[in-house]
Amino acid sequence: MRSGKVALVEALKRLTTRVHLMSESYLKFATTPAVTRTQIQYFDQPRRSSSATTSSEPRDLLTAEEAEFISQRDSFYIATVTEDGWPYVQHRGGKPGFLRVLSPSQLAFADYKGNRQMLSTGNLAANARVALFLMDYPQRNRLKIRGHARVKDAREHPELVSQLAEKDAQPLVERFYIVDVVAFDWNCSKYITPRYTAEEVAVAIAPLEERITELEAQLKAATHATSPIGTQ
């Protein structure tokens, strides 16, 4: 039993962790004067230069690596800001790749019929700022994206339905979120607990199950061959 568990762990560990450097643009957006003062309070100096980012500075452009990572995700979290300044976070899920990369600076996804609270959509009508949080638990990677989002009514943009929604879900589409990427950052893997979907576990243990079936067949054949005459 122990050898089987070890093999399972080793199979899951083959999903390796990437190492990334923090985006300077993302850090500039995140490191406000209050953050800088707090860094000085606790560490005697700011972590890095925190010069303010202006609209004239270049934005981070998604590379092929980010595009591939995004295309493999089946869920993400999106944060908006209420008119009163409160953060609000929602989960979005779908088939892998439902969050589409339209260009190195633009993302989009279809939004479907739900509970009709319209919280995220309403927040964006007053404040276009969003933050996306994408997790890959098996490889212990996470990608954070900041941007400005706008919402398009599906009734007014039928051409986007086939472009951004799976065929079987198209009748349920109510709107689309278009996100203009401003900055992104890869986090380190520290403190991310690996988690696996049922499909990922099935793939990992498939060789073990095949080996068990093979050994059971061999054992059955050996037992049959060594049984005394008359008991077979």
C-alpha atoms as a PDB file:
ATOM      1  CA  MET A   1       0.000   0.000   0.000  1.00  0.00           C
ATOM      2  CA  ARG A   2       2.801   2.416   0.925  1.00  0.00           C
ATOM      3  CA  SER A   3       4.559   1.932  -2.428  1.00  0.00           C
ATOM      4  CA  GLY A   4       1.323   2.809  -4.211  1.00  0.00           C
ATOM      5  CA  LYS A   5       0.973   6.027  -2.215  1.00  0.00           C
ATOM      6  CA  VAL A   6       4.581   6.955  -2.910  1.00  0.00           C
ATOM      7  CA  ALA A   7       4.045   6.380  -6.627  1.00  0.00           C
ATOM      8  CA  LEU A   8       0.948   8.581  -6.555  1.00  0.00           C
ATOM      9  CA  VAL A   9       2.811  11.378  -4.799  1.00  0.00           C
ATOM     10  CA  GLU A  10       5.686  11.152  -7.266  1.00  0.00           C
ATOM     11  CA  ALA A  11       3.252  11.228 -10.194  1.00  0.00           C
ATOM     12  CA  LEU A  12       1.659  14.390  -8.843  1.00  0.00           C
ATOM     13  CA  LYS A  13       5.029  15.988  -8.130  1.00  0.00           C
ATOM     14  CA  ARG A  14       5.934  15.743 -11.808  1.00  0.00           C
ATOM     15  CA  LEU A  15       3.762  18.842 -12.221  1.00  0.00           C
ATOM     16  CA  THR A  16       6.600  21.295 -11.571  1.00  0.00           C
ATOM     17  CA  THR A  17       6.563  24.867 -10.308  1.00  0.00           C
ATOM     18  CA  ARG A  18       7.661  27.848 -12.403  1.00  0.00           C
ATOM     19  CA  VAL A  19       9.743  30.705 -11.088  1.00  0.00           C
ATOM     20  CA  HIS A  20       8.898  34.280 -12.135  1.00  0.00           C
ATOM     21  CA  LEU A  21      10.116  37.747 -11.336  1.00  0.00           C
ATOM     22  CA  MET A  22       7.685  40.377 -10.110  1.00  0.00           C
ATOM     23  CA  SER A  23       6.426  42.746 -12.782  1.00  0.00           C
ATOM     24  CA  GLU A  24       7.741  46.247 -12.181  1.00  0.00           C
ATOM     25  CA  SER A  25       4.554  47.772 -13.579  1.00  0.00           C
ATOM     26  CA  TYR A  26       2.406  45.687 -11.243  1.00  0.00           C
ATOM     27  CA  LEU A  27       4.539  46.671  -8.275  1.00  0.00           C
ATOM     28  CA  LYS A  28       4.207  50.355  -9.123  1.00  0.00           C
ATOM     29  CA  PHE A  29       0.424  50.060  -9.177  1.00  0.00           C
ATOM     30  CA  ALA A  30       0.361  48.122  -5.906  1.00  0.00           C
ATOM     31  CA  THR A  31       2.903  50.161  -3.963  1.00  0.00           C
ATOM     32  CA  THR A  32       0.957  53.254  -2.947  1.00  0.00           C
ATOM     33  CA  PRO A  33       2.334  55.871  -0.518  1.00  0.00           C
ATOM     34  CA  ALA A  34       0.486  54.160   2.343  1.00  0.00           C
ATOM     35  CA  VAL A  35       2.069  50.826   1.413  1.00  0.00           C
ATOM     36  CA  THR A  36       5.505  52.448   1.261  1.00  0.00           C
ATOM     37  CA  ARG A  37       5.025  53.978   4.727  1.00  0.00           C
ATOM     38  CA  THR A  38       3.990  50.583   6.086  1.00  0.00           C
ATOM     39  CA  GLN A  39       7.081  48.928   4.575  1.00  0.00           C
ATOM     40  CA  ILE A  40       9.249  51.525   6.268  1.00  0.00           C
ATOM     41  CA  GLN A  41       7.409  51.003   9.571  1.00  0.00           C
ATOM     42  CA  TYR A  42       8.045  47.255   9.579  1.00  0.00           C
ATOM     43  CA  PHE A  43      11.287  46.914   7.613  1.00  0.00           C
ATOM     44  CA  ASP A  44      12.939  50.382   7.934  1.00  0.00           C
ATOM     45  CA  GLN A  45      12.942  50.870   4.169  1.00  0.00           C
ATOM     46  CA  PRO A  46      10.600  50.402   1.200  1.00  0.00           C
ATOM     47  CA  ARG A  47      10.908  47.125  -0.628  1.00  0.00           C
ATOM     48  CA  ARG A  48      11.494  48.839  -3.959  1.00  0.00           C
ATOM     49  CA  SER A  49      11.082  52.173  -5.646  1.00  0.00           C
ATOM     50  CA  SER A  50       7.386  52.985  -5.675  1.00  0.00           C
ATOM     51  CA  SER A  51       7.184  55.811  -8.176  1.00  0.00           C
ATOM     52  CA  ALA A  52       3.600  56.321  -9.230  1.00  0.00           C
ATOM     53  CA  THR A  53       2.471  54.752 -12.480  1.00  0.00           C
ATOM     54  CA  THR A  54       0.756  57.154 -14.864  1.00  0.00           C
ATOM     55  CA  SER A  55      -1.457  56.469 -17.843  1.00  0.00           C
ATOM     56  CA  SER A  56       1.394  57.503 -20.146  1.00  0.00           C
ATOM     57  CA  GLU A  57       3.607  54.643 -18.989  1.00  0.00           C
ATOM     58  CA  PRO A  58       3.566  51.417 -20.970  1.00  0.00           C
ATOM     59  CA  ARG A  59       1.305  48.607 -19.836  1.00  0.00           C
ATOM     60  CA  ASP A  60       2.354  45.027 -19.259  1.00  0.00           C
ATOM     61  CA  LEU A  61       1.713  42.898 -22.329  1.00  0.00           C
ATOM     62  CA  LEU A  62       0.771  39.267 -21.891  1.00  0.00           C
ATOM     63  CA  THR A  63       3.315  36.872 -23.368  1.00  0.00           C
ATOM     64  CA  ALA A  64       2.798  33.390 -24.785  1.00  0.00           C
ATOM     65  CA  GLU A  65       3.441  31.994 -21.305  1.00  0.00           C
ATOM     66  CA  GLU A  66       0.614  33.966 -19.713  1.00  0.00           C
ATOM     67  CA  ALA A  67      -1.690  33.195 -22.634  1.00  0.00           C
ATOM     68  CA  GLU A  68      -1.052  29.470 -22.270  1.00  0.00           C
ATOM     69  CA  PHE A  69      -1.611  29.588 -18.520  1.00  0.00           C
ATOM     70  CA  ILE A  70      -4.891  31.471 -18.922  1.00  0.00           C
ATOM     71  CA  SER A  71      -6.108  29.061 -21.612  1.00  0.00           C
ATOM     72  CA  GLN A  72      -5.724  26.133 -19.197  1.00  0.00           C
ATOM     73  CA  ARG A  73      -7.721  27.624 -16.331  1.00  0.00           C
ATOM     74  CA  ASP A  74     -11.274  26.489 -15.616  1.00  0.00           C
ATOM     75  CA  SER A  75     -11.930  29.187 -13.011  1.00  0.00           C
ATOM     76  CA  PHE A  76     -10.703  32.485 -11.637  1.00  0.00           C
ATOM     77  CA  TYR A  77     -11.665  35.183  -9.130  1.00  0.00           C
ATOM     78  CA  ILE A  78     -12.547  38.721 -10.162  1.00  0.00           C
ATOM     79  CA  ALA A  79     -12.549  41.703  -7.797  1.00  0.00           C
ATOM     80  CA  THR A  80     -14.410  44.951  -8.387  1.00  0.00           C
ATOM     81  CA  VAL A  81     -14.970  48.026  -6.221  1.00  0.00           C
ATOM     82  CA  THR A  82     -18.326  49.332  -5.027  1.00  0.00           C
ATOM     83  CA  GLU A  83     -19.277  53.001  -5.210  1.00  0.00           C
ATOM     84  CA  ASP A  84     -18.655  53.128  -1.455  1.00  0.00           C
ATOM     85  CA  GLY A  85     -15.103  51.839  -1.905  1.00  0.00           C
ATOM     86  CA  TRP A  86     -15.683  48.286  -0.683  1.00  0.00           C
ATOM     87  CA  PRO A  87     -13.925  45.419  -2.516  1.00  0.00           C
ATOM     88  CA  TYR A  88     -16.164  42.709  -3.933  1.00  0.00           C
ATOM     89  CA  VAL A  89     -14.913  39.330  -5.173  1.00  0.00           C
ATOM     90  CA  GLN A  90     -16.738  36.796  -7.313  1.00  0.00           C
ATOM     91  CA  HIS A  91     -15.793  33.399  -8.679  1.00  0.00           C
ATOM     92  CA  ARG A  92     -16.116  32.611 -12.364  1.00  0.00           C
ATOM     93  CA  GLY A  93     -15.891  29.093 -13.766  1.00  0.00           C
ATOM     94  CA  GLY A  94     -16.280  27.219 -17.031  1.00  0.00           C
ATOM     95  CA  LYS A  95     -14.482  24.929 -19.399  1.00  0.00           C
ATOM     96  CA  PRO A  96     -10.705  25.418 -19.637  1.00  0.00           C
ATOM     97  CA  GLY A  97     -10.071  28.461 -21.776  1.00  0.00           C
ATOM     98  CA  PHE A  98     -13.403  30.173 -21.152  1.00  0.00           C
ATOM     99  CA  LEU A  99     -11.380  33.275 -20.238  1.00  0.00           C
ATOM    100  CA  ARG A 100     -10.197  34.242 -23.717  1.00  0.00           C
ATOM    101  CA  VAL A 101      -6.990  36.078 -24.606  1.00  0.00           C
ATOM    102  CA  LEU A 102      -8.018  38.410 -27.428  1.00  0.00           C
ATOM    103  CA  SER A 103      -4.647  40.132 -27.650  1.00  0.00           C
ATOM    104  CA  PRO A 104      -1.526  40.706 -25.522  1.00  0.00           C
ATOM    105  CA  SER A 105      -3.426  43.482 -23.752  1.00  0.00           C
ATOM    106  CA  GLN A 106      -7.027  42.277 -23.722  1.00  0.00           C
ATOM    107  CA  LEU A 107      -9.063  39.472 -22.155  1.00  0.00           C
ATOM    108  CA  ALA A 108     -12.745  38.621 -22.421  1.00  0.00           C
ATOM    109  CA  PHE A 109     -15.282  36.150 -21.098  1.00  0.00           C
ATOM    110  CA  ALA A 110     -18.997  35.502 -21.424  1.00  0.00           C
ATOM    111  CA  ASP A 111     -21.279  36.098 -18.459  1.00  0.00           C
ATOM    112  CA  TYR A 112     -24.394  33.957 -18.054  1.00  0.00           C
ATOM    113  CA  LYS A 113     -27.771  34.056 -16.384  1.00  0.00           C
ATOM    114  CA  GLY A 114     -27.416  33.983 -12.618  1.00  0.00           C
ATOM    115  CA  ASN A 115     -29.030  35.308  -9.471  1.00  0.00           C
ATOM    116  CA  ARG A 116     -29.720  38.729 -11.014  1.00  0.00           C
ATOM    117  CA  GLN A 117     -27.916  40.639  -8.283  1.00  0.00           C
ATOM    118  CA  MET A 118     -25.718  42.313 -10.927  1.00  0.00           C
ATOM    119  CA  LEU A 119     -23.103  43.230  -8.315  1.00  0.00           C
ATOM    120  CA  SER A 120     -19.919  43.022 -10.374  1.00  0.00           C
ATOM    121  CA  THR A 121     -21.628  44.453 -13.452  1.00  0.00           C
ATOM    122  CA  GLY A 122     -23.085  47.304 -11.435  1.00  0.00           C
ATOM    123  CA  ASN A 123     -19.751  48.048  -9.777  1.00  0.00           C
ATOM    124  CA  LEU A 124     -18.094  48.329 -13.185  1.00  0.00           C
ATOM    125  CA  ALA A 125     -20.635  50.914 -14.271  1.00  0.00           C
ATOM    126  CA  ALA A 126     -19.150  53.243 -11.629  1.00  0.00           C
ATOM    127  CA  ASN A 127     -15.538  52.046 -11.453  1.00  0.00           C
ATOM    128  CA  ALA A 128     -13.874  50.108 -14.262  1.00  0.00           C
ATOM    129  CA  ARG A 129     -10.968  48.813 -12.180  1.00  0.00           C
ATOM    130  CA  VAL A 130     -10.743  45.047 -11.764  1.00  0.00           C
ATOM    131  CA  ALA A 131      -8.294  42.496 -10.403  1.00  0.00           C
ATOM    132  CA  LEU A 132      -8.237  38.895 -11.609  1.00  0.00           C
ATOM    133  CA  PHE A 133      -6.708  36.057  -9.596  1.00  0.00           C
ATOM    134  CA  LEU A 134      -5.951  32.818 -11.453  1.00  0.00           C
ATOM    135  CA  MET A 135      -4.823  29.692  -9.603  1.00  0.00           C
ATOM    136  CA  ASP A 136      -3.075  26.514 -10.724  1.00  0.00           C
ATOM    137  CA  TYR A 137      -3.036  24.422  -7.562  1.00  0.00           C
ATOM    138  CA  PRO A 138      -1.232  21.312  -8.877  1.00  0.00           C
ATOM    139  CA  GLN A 139       1.720  23.366 -10.131  1.00  0.00           C
ATOM    140  CA  ARG A 140       1.388  25.866  -7.266  1.00  0.00           C
ATOM    141  CA  ASN A 141       1.242  28.889  -9.573  1.00  0.00           C
ATOM    142  CA  ARG A 142      -0.915  31.974  -9.417  1.00  0.00           C
ATOM    143  CA  LEU A 143      -1.283  34.853 -11.834  1.00  0.00           C
ATOM    144  CA  LYS A 144      -2.646  38.240 -10.766  1.00  0.00           C
ATOM    145  CA  ILE A 145      -3.961  40.678 -13.373  1.00  0.00           C
ATOM    146  CA  ARG A 146      -5.012  44.309 -12.974  1.00  0.00           C
ATOM    147  CA  GLY A 147      -7.041  46.060 -15.605  1.00  0.00           C
ATOM    148  CA  HIS A 148     -10.023  48.107 -16.651  1.00  0.00           C
ATOM    149  CA  ALA A 149     -13.189  46.244 -17.608  1.00  0.00           C
ATOM    150  CA  ARG A 150     -16.289  47.154 -19.549  1.00  0.00           C
ATOM    151  CA  VAL A 151     -19.466  45.185 -20.046  1.00  0.00           C
ATOM    152  CA  LYS A 152     -21.218  44.610 -23.358  1.00  0.00           C
ATOM    153  CA  ASP A 153     -24.855  43.508 -23.611  1.00  0.00           C
ATOM    154  CA  ALA A 154     -25.119  40.250 -25.553  1.00  0.00           C
ATOM    155  CA  ARG A 155     -28.352  41.446 -27.189  1.00  0.00           C
ATOM    156  CA  GLU A 156     -26.444  44.328 -28.752  1.00  0.00           C
ATOM    157  CA  HIS A 157     -23.396  42.260 -29.738  1.00  0.00           C
ATOM    158  CA  PRO A 158     -24.585  38.913 -31.130  1.00  0.00           C
ATOM    159  CA  GLU A 159     -21.304  38.574 -33.027  1.00  0.00           C
ATOM    160  CA  LEU A 160     -19.507  38.025 -29.709  1.00  0.00           C
ATOM    161  CA  VAL A 161     -21.701  35.108 -28.678  1.00  0.00           C
ATOM    162  CA  SER A 162     -20.096  32.608 -31.046  1.00  0.00           C
ATOM    163  CA  GLN A 163     -16.655  34.090 -30.405  1.00  0.00           C
ATOM    164  CA  LEU A 164     -16.658  34.011 -26.617  1.00  0.00           C
ATOM    165  CA  ALA A 165     -19.157  31.338 -25.537  1.00  0.00           C
ATOM    166  CA  GLU A 166     -19.275  27.564 -25.880  1.00  0.00           C
ATOM    167  CA  LYS A 167     -21.942  26.431 -28.346  1.00  0.00           C
ATOM    168  CA  ASP A 168     -24.064  24.605 -25.753  1.00  0.00           C
ATOM    169  CA  ALA A 169     -24.034  27.651 -23.449  1.00  0.00           C
ATOM    170  CA  GLN A 170     -24.695  30.365 -26.009  1.00  0.00           C
ATOM    171  CA  PRO A 171     -28.454  30.629 -25.262  1.00  0.00           C
ATOM    172  CA  LEU A 172     -27.598  31.531 -21.648  1.00  0.00           C
ATOM    173  CA  VAL A 173     -25.221  34.401 -22.424  1.00  0.00           C
ATOM    174  CA  GLU A 174     -26.415  37.771 -21.149  1.00  0.00           C
ATOM    175  CA  ARG A 175     -23.307  39.933 -21.376  1.00  0.00           C
ATOM    176  CA  PHE A 176     -19.572  39.985 -21.990  1.00  0.00           C
ATOM    177  CA  TYR A 177     -16.711  41.332 -19.911  1.00  0.00           C
ATOM    178  CA  ILE A 178     -13.859  42.914 -21.843  1.00  0.00           C
ATOM    179  CA  VAL A 179     -10.737  43.487 -19.727  1.00  0.00           C
ATOM    180  CA  ASP A 180      -7.957  45.801 -20.850  1.00  0.00           C
ATOM    181  CA  VAL A 181      -4.858  44.526 -19.071  1.00  0.00           C
ATOM    182  CA  VAL A 182      -2.784  47.137 -17.250  1.00  0.00           C
ATOM    183  CA  ALA A 183      -0.363  44.949 -15.300  1.00  0.00           C
ATOM    184  CA  PHE A 184       0.148  41.374 -14.196  1.00  0.00           C
ATOM    185  CA  ASP A 185       2.299  39.491 -11.736  1.00  0.00           C
ATOM    186  CA  TRP A 186       3.228  35.892 -11.023  1.00  0.00           C
ATOM    187  CA  ASN A 187       3.312  35.035  -7.312  1.00  0.00           C
ATOM    188  CA  CYS A 188       5.732  32.661  -5.688  1.00  0.00           C
ATOM    189  CA  SER A 189       4.514  29.178  -4.783  1.00  0.00           C
ATOM    190  CA  LYS A 190       5.043  29.547  -1.043  1.00  0.00           C
ATOM    191  CA  TYR A 191       2.044  28.501   1.066  1.00  0.00           C
ATOM    192  CA  ILE A 192       0.013  27.260  -1.916  1.00  0.00           C
ATOM    193  CA  THR A 193      -1.378  23.859  -0.965  1.00  0.00           C
ATOM    194  CA  PRO A 194      -1.500  21.571  -4.027  1.00  0.00           C
ATOM    195  CA  ARG A 195      -5.023  20.476  -4.890  1.00  0.00           C
ATOM    196  CA  TYR A 196      -6.168  18.271  -7.738  1.00  0.00           C
ATOM    197  CA  THR A 197      -9.388  17.811  -9.646  1.00  0.00           C
ATOM    198  CA  ALA A 198     -10.913  14.358 -10.058  1.00  0.00           C
ATOM    199  CA  GLU A 199      -9.726  14.347 -13.670  1.00  0.00           C
ATOM    200  CA  GLU A 200      -6.142  15.205 -12.694  1.00  0.00           C
ATOM    201  CA  VAL A 201      -6.067  12.463 -10.060  1.00  0.00           C
ATOM    202  CA  ALA A 202      -7.470   9.955 -12.562  1.00  0.00           C
ATOM    203  CA  VAL A 203      -4.667  10.753 -15.018  1.00  0.00           C
ATOM    204  CA  ALA A 204      -2.025  10.504 -12.282  1.00  0.00           C
ATOM    205  CA  ILE A 205      -3.163   7.111 -10.983  1.00  0.00           C
ATOM    206  CA  ALA A 206      -3.969   5.559 -14.369  1.00  0.00           C
ATOM    207  CA  PRO A 207      -0.510   3.890 -14.645  1.00  0.00           C
ATOM    208  CA  LEU A 208      -0.934   2.494 -11.119  1.00  0.00           C
ATOM    209  CA  GLU A 209      -4.331   1.040 -11.939  1.00  0.00           C
ATOM    210  CA  GLU A 210      -2.967  -0.516 -15.111  1.00  0.00           C
ATOM    211  CA  ARG A 211      -0.074  -2.048 -13.161  1.00  0.00           C
ATOM    212  CA  ILE A 212      -2.448  -3.403 -10.485  1.00  0.00           C
ATOM    213  CA  THR A 213      -4.611  -5.017 -13.168  1.00  0.00           C
ATOM    214  CA  GLU A 214      -1.500  -6.567 -14.745  1.00  0.00           C
ATOM    215  CA  LEU A 215      -0.231  -7.937 -11.419  1.00  0.00           C
ATOM    216  CA  GLU A 216      -3.638  -9.323 -10.509  1.00  0.00           C
ATOM    217  CA  ALA A 217      -3.755 -11.166 -13.824  1.00  0.00           C
ATOM    218  CA  GLN A 218      -0.253 -12.561 -13.257  1.00  0.00           C
ATOM    219  CA  LEU A 219      -1.155 -13.666  -9.732  1.00  0.00           C
ATOM    220  CA  LYS A 220      -4.301 -15.363 -10.944  1.00  0.00           C
ATOM    221  CA  ALA A 221      -2.370 -17.177 -13.677  1.00  0.00           C
ATOM    222  CA  ALA A 222       0.356 -18.268 -11.246  1.00  0.00           C
ATOM    223  CA  THR A 223      -2.202 -19.516  -8.724  1.00  0.00           C
ATOM    224  CA  HIS A 224      -4.027 -21.454 -11.403  1.00  0.00           C
ATOM    225  CA  ALA A 225      -0.789 -23.029 -12.657  1.00  0.00           C
ATOM    226  CA  THR A 226       0.321 -24.207  -9.199  1.00  0.00           C
ATOM    227  CA  SER A 227      -3.065 -25.537  -8.042  1.00  0.00           C
ATOM    228  CA  PRO A 228      -3.159 -29.347  -7.378  1.00  0.00           C
ATOM    229  CA  ILE A 229      -4.737 -31.471 -10.102  1.00  0.00           C
ATOM    230  CA  GLY A 230      -8.441 -31.829  -9.539  1.00  0.00           C
ATOM    231  CA  THR A 231      -8.823 -28.427  -7.896  1.00  0.00           C
ATOM    232  CA  GLN A 232      -8.446 -26.400 -11.063  1.00  0.00           C
END
